[in-house]
C-alpha atoms as a PDB file:
ATOM      1  CA  UNK A   1    -105.398 -47.812 -78.651  1.00  0.00           C
ATOM      2  CA  UNK A   2    -105.332 -44.061 -79.172  1.00  0.00           C
ATOM      3  CA  UNK A   3    -102.196 -41.963 -78.881  1.00  0.00           C
ATOM      4  CA  UNK A   4    -103.671 -40.199 -75.866  1.00  0.00           C
ATOM      5  CA  UNK A   5    -104.345 -43.516 -74.107  1.00  0.00           C
ATOM      6  CA  UNK A   6    -100.796 -44.707 -74.859  1.00  0.00           C
ATOM      7  CA  UNK A   7     -99.392 -41.492 -73.380  1.00  0.00           C
ATOM      8  CA  UNK A   8    -101.499 -41.968 -70.222  1.00  0.00           C
ATOM      9  CA  UNK A   9    -100.228 -45.548 -69.874  1.00  0.00           C
ATOM     10  CA  UNK A  10     -96.608 -44.403 -70.309  1.00  0.00           C
ATOM     11  CA  UNK A  11     -97.067 -41.751 -67.629  1.00  0.00           C
ATOM     12  CA  UNK A  12     -98.676 -44.319 -65.312  1.00  0.00           C
ATOM     13  CA  UNK A  13     -95.738 -46.691 -65.870  1.00  0.00           C
ATOM     14  CA  UNK A  14     -93.233 -43.942 -65.034  1.00  0.00           C
ATOM     15  CA  UNK A  15     -95.195 -42.959 -61.910  1.00  0.00           C
ATOM     16  CA  UNK A  16     -95.389 -46.636 -60.866  1.00  0.00           C
ATOM     17  CA  UNK A  17     -91.610 -47.035 -61.228  1.00  0.00           C
ATOM     18  CA  UNK A  18     -90.937 -43.921 -59.129  1.00  0.00           C
ATOM     19  CA  UNK A  19     -93.481 -45.033 -56.517  1.00  0.00           C
ATOM     20  CA  UNK A  20     -91.887 -48.500 -56.292  1.00  0.00           C
ATOM     21  CA  UNK A  21     -88.474 -46.916 -55.831  1.00  0.00           C
ATOM     22  CA  UNK A  22     -89.829 -44.739 -53.012  1.00  0.00           C
ATOM     23  CA  UNK A  23     -91.469 -47.764 -51.366  1.00  0.00           C
ATOM     24  CA  UNK A  24     -88.206 -49.720 -51.400  1.00  0.00           C
ATOM     25  CA  UNK A  25     -86.595 -46.910 -49.446  1.00  0.00           C
ATOM     26  CA  UNK A  26     -89.108 -47.346 -46.645  1.00  0.00           C
ATOM     27  CA  UNK A  27     -88.952 -51.138 -46.167  1.00  0.00           C
ATOM     28  CA  UNK A  28     -86.144 -50.987 -43.587  1.00  0.00           C
ATOM     29  CA  UNK A  29     -88.063 -48.375 -41.585  1.00  0.00           C
ATOM     30  CA  UNK A  30     -91.230 -50.474 -41.758  1.00  0.00           C
ATOM     31  CA  UNK A  31     -89.301 -53.515 -40.519  1.00  0.00           C
ATOM     32  CA  UNK A  32     -87.913 -51.535 -37.574  1.00  0.00           C
ATOM     33  CA  UNK A  33     -91.362 -50.086 -36.786  1.00  0.00           C
ATOM     34  CA  UNK A  34     -92.862 -53.569 -36.790  1.00  0.00           C
ATOM     35  CA  UNK A  35     -90.098 -55.067 -34.645  1.00  0.00           C
ATOM     36  CA  UNK A  36     -90.462 -52.158 -32.206  1.00  0.00           C
ATOM     37  CA  UNK A  37     -93.790 -53.775 -31.283  1.00  0.00           C
ATOM     38  CA  UNK A  38     -92.181 -57.155 -30.662  1.00  0.00           C
ATOM     39  CA  UNK A  39     -90.096 -59.984 -32.145  1.00  0.00           C
ATOM     40  CA  UNK A  40     -91.255 -61.574 -35.371  1.00  0.00           C
ATOM     41  CA  UNK A  41     -90.181 -64.019 -38.062  1.00  0.00           C
ATOM     42  CA  UNK A  42     -89.888 -63.068 -41.730  1.00  0.00           C
ATOM     43  CA  UNK A  43     -93.261 -64.302 -42.962  1.00  0.00           C
ATOM     44  CA  UNK A  44     -95.046 -62.628 -40.068  1.00  0.00           C
ATOM     45  CA  UNK A  45     -93.198 -59.363 -40.797  1.00  0.00           C
ATOM     46  CA  UNK A  46     -94.444 -59.472 -44.391  1.00  0.00           C
ATOM     47  CA  UNK A  47     -98.036 -59.994 -43.222  1.00  0.00           C
ATOM     48  CA  UNK A  48     -97.928 -57.288 -40.525  1.00  0.00           C
ATOM     49  CA  UNK A  49     -96.426 -54.724 -42.906  1.00  0.00           C
ATOM     50  CA  UNK A  50     -99.036 -55.551 -45.545  1.00  0.00           C
ATOM     51  CA  UNK A  51    -101.907 -55.371 -43.036  1.00  0.00           C
ATOM     52  CA  UNK A  52    -100.719 -52.236 -41.247  1.00  0.00           C
ATOM     53  CA  UNK A  53    -100.201 -50.358 -44.519  1.00  0.00           C
ATOM     54  CA  UNK A  54    -103.501 -51.556 -46.009  1.00  0.00           C
ATOM     55  CA  UNK A  55    -101.641 -53.412 -48.734  1.00  0.00           C
ATOM     56  CA  UNK A  56     -99.758 -50.347 -50.004  1.00  0.00           C
ATOM     57  CA  UNK A  57     -96.551 -52.121 -48.984  1.00  0.00           C
ATOM     58  CA  UNK A  58     -96.722 -55.815 -49.747  1.00  0.00           C
ATOM     59  CA  UNK A  59     -93.133 -57.015 -49.402  1.00  0.00           C
ATOM     60  CA  UNK A  60     -92.152 -60.327 -50.911  1.00  0.00           C
ATOM     61  CA  UNK A  61     -89.566 -62.666 -49.435  1.00  0.00           C
ATOM     62  CA  UNK A  62     -87.122 -61.588 -52.156  1.00  0.00           C
ATOM     63  CA  UNK A  63     -87.507 -57.928 -51.167  1.00  0.00           C
ATOM     64  CA  UNK A  64     -87.723 -58.413 -47.379  1.00  0.00           C
ATOM     65  CA  UNK A  65     -84.844 -60.785 -46.629  1.00  0.00           C
ATOM     66  CA  UNK A  66     -82.056 -58.617 -48.109  1.00  0.00           C
ATOM     67  CA  UNK A  67     -83.268 -55.784 -45.839  1.00  0.00           C
ATOM     68  CA  UNK A  68     -83.298 -58.130 -42.833  1.00  0.00           C
ATOM     69  CA  UNK A  69     -79.746 -59.194 -43.672  1.00  0.00           C
ATOM     70  CA  UNK A  70     -78.593 -55.586 -44.057  1.00  0.00           C
ATOM     71  CA  UNK A  71     -80.257 -54.484 -40.799  1.00  0.00           C
ATOM     72  CA  UNK A  72     -78.645 -57.436 -39.004  1.00  0.00           C
ATOM     73  CA  UNK A  73     -75.173 -56.576 -40.359  1.00  0.00           C
ATOM     74  CA  UNK A  74     -75.634 -52.983 -39.181  1.00  0.00           C
ATOM     75  CA  UNK A  75     -76.543 -54.198 -35.694  1.00  0.00           C
ATOM     76  CA  UNK A  76     -80.044 -52.700 -35.839  1.00  0.00           C
ATOM     77  CA  UNK A  77     -81.765 -56.057 -35.459  1.00  0.00           C
ATOM     78  CA  UNK A  78     -80.713 -59.494 -34.298  1.00  0.00           C
ATOM     79  CA  UNK A  79     -82.222 -62.922 -34.600  1.00  0.00           C
ATOM     80  CA  UNK A  80     -82.487 -66.159 -32.733  1.00  0.00           C
ATOM     81  CA  UNK A  81     -83.068 -69.481 -34.407  1.00  0.00           C
ATOM     82  CA  UNK A  82     -85.975 -71.671 -33.392  1.00  0.00           C
ATOM     83  CA  UNK A  83     -86.847 -75.116 -34.603  1.00  0.00           C
ATOM     84  CA  UNK A  84     -90.361 -75.492 -35.946  1.00  0.00           C
ATOM     85  CA  UNK A  85     -90.752 -79.149 -36.688  1.00  0.00           C
ATOM     86  CA  UNK A  86     -87.758 -79.974 -38.860  1.00  0.00           C
ATOM     87  CA  UNK A  87     -87.387 -76.395 -40.101  1.00  0.00           C
ATOM     88  CA  UNK A  88     -85.254 -73.713 -38.579  1.00  0.00           C
ATOM     89  CA  UNK A  89     -86.985 -70.353 -38.272  1.00  0.00           C
ATOM     90  CA  UNK A  90     -85.301 -67.020 -37.533  1.00  0.00           C
ATOM     91  CA  UNK A  91     -87.084 -64.723 -35.098  1.00  0.00           C
ATOM     92  CA  UNK A  92     -85.962 -61.109 -35.477  1.00  0.00           C
ATOM     93  CA  UNK A  93     -85.835 -58.504 -32.727  1.00  0.00           C
ATOM     94  CA  UNK A  94     -84.864 -54.831 -32.737  1.00  0.00           C
ATOM     95  CA  UNK A  95     -81.699 -53.897 -30.805  1.00  0.00           C
ATOM     96  CA  UNK A  96     -81.108 -50.770 -28.711  1.00  0.00           C
ATOM     97  CA  UNK A  97     -79.073 -49.383 -31.610  1.00  0.00           C
ATOM     98  CA  UNK A  98     -82.038 -50.161 -33.861  1.00  0.00           C
ATOM     99  CA  UNK A  99     -84.426 -48.302 -31.539  1.00  0.00           C
ATOM    100  CA  UNK A 100     -82.188 -45.226 -31.518  1.00  0.00           C
ATOM    101  CA  UNK A 101     -81.831 -45.383 -35.297  1.00  0.00           C
ATOM    102  CA  UNK A 102     -85.602 -45.759 -35.709  1.00  0.00           C
ATOM    103  CA  UNK A 103     -86.158 -42.632 -33.624  1.00  0.00           C
ATOM    104  CA  UNK A 104     -83.795 -40.707 -35.933  1.00  0.00           C
ATOM    105  CA  UNK A 105     -85.468 -42.158 -39.033  1.00  0.00           C
ATOM    106  CA  UNK A 106     -88.903 -41.062 -37.810  1.00  0.00           C
ATOM    107  CA  UNK A 107     -87.639 -37.516 -37.155  1.00  0.00           C
ATOM    108  CA  UNK A 108     -86.029 -37.350 -40.590  1.00  0.00           C
ATOM    109  CA  UNK A 109     -89.111 -38.791 -42.287  1.00  0.00           C
ATOM    110  CA  UNK A 110     -91.275 -36.130 -40.637  1.00  0.00           C
ATOM    111  CA  UNK A 111     -88.913 -33.413 -41.880  1.00  0.00           C
ATOM    112  CA  UNK A 112     -88.943 -34.865 -45.401  1.00  0.00           C
ATOM    113  CA  UNK A 113     -92.752 -35.042 -45.339  1.00  0.00           C
ATOM    114  CA  UNK A 114     -92.963 -31.371 -44.310  1.00  0.00           C
ATOM    115  CA  UNK A 115     -90.514 -30.381 -47.048  1.00  0.00           C
ATOM    116  CA  UNK A 116     -92.409 -32.366 -49.659  1.00  0.00           C
ATOM    117  CA  UNK A 117     -95.714 -30.837 -48.541  1.00  0.00           C
ATOM    118  CA  UNK A 118     -94.167 -27.370 -48.809  1.00  0.00           C
ATOM    119  CA  UNK A 119     -92.976 -28.102 -52.362  1.00  0.00           C
ATOM    120  CA  UNK A 120     -96.363 -29.480 -53.396  1.00  0.00           C
ATOM    121  CA  UNK A 121     -98.167 -26.479 -51.938  1.00  0.00           C
ATOM    122  CA  UNK A 122     -95.842 -23.976 -53.625  1.00  0.00           C
ATOM    123  CA  UNK A 123     -96.237 -25.840 -56.920  1.00  0.00           C
ATOM    124  CA  UNK A 124    -100.001 -25.348 -56.774  1.00  0.00           C
ATOM    125  CA  UNK A 125     -99.573 -21.706 -55.787  1.00  0.00           C
ATOM    126  CA  UNK A 126     -99.976 -21.844 -52.027  1.00  0.00           C
ATOM    127  CA  UNK A 127     -97.071 -20.250 -50.196  1.00  0.00           C
ATOM    128  CA  UNK A 128     -95.902 -21.277 -46.735  1.00  0.00           C
ATOM    129  CA  UNK A 129     -97.372 -18.058 -45.331  1.00  0.00           C
ATOM    130  CA  UNK A 130    -100.821 -19.302 -46.383  1.00  0.00           C
ATOM    131  CA  UNK A 131    -100.427 -22.648 -44.608  1.00  0.00           C
ATOM    132  CA  UNK A 132    -101.247 -22.792 -40.897  1.00  0.00           C
ATOM    133  CA  UNK A 133     -98.343 -24.064 -38.773  1.00  0.00           C
ATOM    134  CA  UNK A 134    -100.453 -27.061 -37.811  1.00  0.00           C
ATOM    135  CA  UNK A 135    -101.682 -27.758 -41.362  1.00  0.00           C
ATOM    136  CA  UNK A 136    -100.565 -31.381 -41.278  1.00  0.00           C
ATOM    137  CA  UNK A 137    -102.264 -31.933 -37.942  1.00  0.00           C
ATOM    138  CA  UNK A 138    -105.580 -31.090 -39.589  1.00  0.00           C
ATOM    139  CA  UNK A 139    -105.300 -34.352 -41.462  1.00  0.00           C
ATOM    140  CA  UNK A 140    -103.462 -36.474 -38.914  1.00  0.00           C
ATOM    141  CA  UNK A 141    -100.372 -38.487 -39.758  1.00  0.00           C
ATOM    142  CA  UNK A 142    -100.035 -39.790 -43.274  1.00  0.00           C
ATOM    143  CA  UNK A 143    -102.506 -42.630 -43.624  1.00  0.00           C
ATOM    144  CA  UNK A 144    -100.058 -44.917 -45.434  1.00  0.00           C
ATOM    145  CA  UNK A 145     -97.260 -44.671 -42.899  1.00  0.00           C
ATOM    146  CA  UNK A 146     -99.427 -44.029 -39.832  1.00  0.00           C
ATOM    147  CA  UNK A 147     -97.426 -45.462 -36.949  1.00  0.00           C
ATOM    148  CA  UNK A 148    -100.440 -45.125 -34.632  1.00  0.00           C
ATOM    149  CA  UNK A 149    -102.060 -47.997 -36.566  1.00  0.00           C
ATOM    150  CA  UNK A 150     -99.092 -50.374 -36.392  1.00  0.00           C
ATOM    151  CA  UNK A 151     -99.805 -53.387 -34.220  1.00  0.00           C
ATOM    152  CA  UNK A 152    -103.481 -52.521 -33.700  1.00  0.00           C
ATOM    153  CA  UNK A 153    -106.227 -55.039 -34.323  1.00  0.00           C
ATOM    154  CA  UNK A 154    -108.853 -54.429 -37.007  1.00  0.00           C
ATOM    155  CA  UNK A 155    -111.431 -52.971 -34.588  1.00  0.00           C
ATOM    156  CA  UNK A 156    -108.913 -50.466 -33.196  1.00  0.00           C
ATOM    157  CA  UNK A 157    -107.909 -49.445 -36.727  1.00  0.00           C
ATOM    158  CA  UNK A 158    -111.572 -48.999 -37.670  1.00  0.00           C
ATOM    159  CA  UNK A 159    -112.173 -46.814 -34.622  1.00  0.00           C
ATOM    160  CA  UNK A 160    -109.119 -44.627 -35.285  1.00  0.00           C
ATOM    161  CA  UNK A 161    -109.933 -44.213 -38.970  1.00  0.00           C
ATOM    162  CA  UNK A 162    -113.628 -43.535 -38.275  1.00  0.00           C
ATOM    163  CA  UNK A 163    -112.719 -40.735 -35.868  1.00  0.00           C
ATOM    164  CA  UNK A 164    -110.240 -39.335 -38.372  1.00  0.00           C
ATOM    165  CA  UNK A 165    -112.926 -39.421 -41.072  1.00  0.00           C
ATOM    166  CA  UNK A 166    -115.274 -37.353 -38.883  1.00  0.00           C
ATOM    167  CA  UNK A 167    -112.565 -34.770 -38.176  1.00  0.00           C
ATOM    168  CA  UNK A 168    -111.531 -34.514 -41.827  1.00  0.00           C
ATOM    169  CA  UNK A 169    -115.184 -34.209 -42.915  1.00  0.00           C
ATOM    170  CA  UNK A 170    -115.605 -31.260 -40.551  1.00  0.00           C
ATOM    171  CA  UNK A 171    -112.433 -29.662 -41.909  1.00  0.00           C
ATOM    172  CA  UNK A 172    -113.606 -30.139 -45.501  1.00  0.00           C
ATOM    173  CA  UNK A 173    -116.929 -28.522 -44.604  1.00  0.00           C
ATOM    174  CA  UNK A 174    -115.163 -25.527 -43.039  1.00  0.00           C
ATOM    175  CA  UNK A 175    -112.846 -25.206 -46.019  1.00  0.00           C
ATOM    176  CA  UNK A 176    -115.833 -25.310 -48.378  1.00  0.00           C
ATOM    177  CA  UNK A 177    -117.383 -22.431 -46.419  1.00  0.00           C
ATOM    178  CA  UNK A 178    -114.140 -20.461 -46.798  1.00  0.00           C
ATOM    179  CA  UNK A 179    -114.113 -21.172 -50.547  1.00  0.00           C
ATOM    180  CA  UNK A 180    -117.728 -19.972 -50.796  1.00  0.00           C
ATOM    181  CA  UNK A 181    -116.860 -16.743 -48.947  1.00  0.00           C
ATOM    182  CA  UNK A 182    -113.875 -16.153 -51.215  1.00  0.00           C
ATOM    183  CA  UNK A 183    -116.074 -16.712 -54.278  1.00  0.00           C
ATOM    184  CA  UNK A 184    -118.565 -14.150 -52.941  1.00  0.00           C
ATOM    185  CA  UNK A 185    -115.766 -11.612 -52.409  1.00  0.00           C
ATOM    186  CA  UNK A 186    -114.439 -12.252 -55.914  1.00  0.00           C
ATOM    187  CA  UNK A 187    -117.894 -11.723 -57.414  1.00  0.00           C
ATOM    188  CA  UNK A 188    -118.348  -8.596 -55.310  1.00  0.00           C
ATOM    189  CA  UNK A 189    -115.024  -7.178 -56.493  1.00  0.00           C
ATOM    190  CA  UNK A 190    -115.860  -7.977 -60.119  1.00  0.00           C
ATOM    191  CA  UNK A 191    -119.196  -6.190 -59.756  1.00  0.00           C
ATOM    192  CA  UNK A 192    -117.508  -2.998 -58.508  1.00  0.00           C
END
């Protein structure tokens, strides 16, 4: 393996570790979002989160249950026990306190997303004054954490994403036209 390939693999490993850390920070929010749609047991929560995030979040029992325990202790969720055959199964439900907390978490997440977008844009040389106020709305909510897809069946998700694809394709086309115009102006200025 070449030195360059080793460096790429090291960078990928670092990025993976940071990404995993960021994902862990969102599991509690994803649990609350899922329970907002209705009660669920642990295994079902894992499946819904995986499906609704297109596999980006794929919580395991060992990562999910500590969050369920913590959310229960904080009074954000509660559970009832049901017997399924000879096994006891906990069915979790969001509390009123959990709903209020979820609302706050969503507001804070939106603010963090805007701040992160601003940092990314400034890093690549685009200042806030160059970004339309509704820049994010051009692309819809983040695809990974899109709460409009939570609890939808596959056909509904396909319809939503297909419409979004059409809108984004139109935006890309318009942006390409703007880039072409800018290139023409640049060439014109160079010619002068």
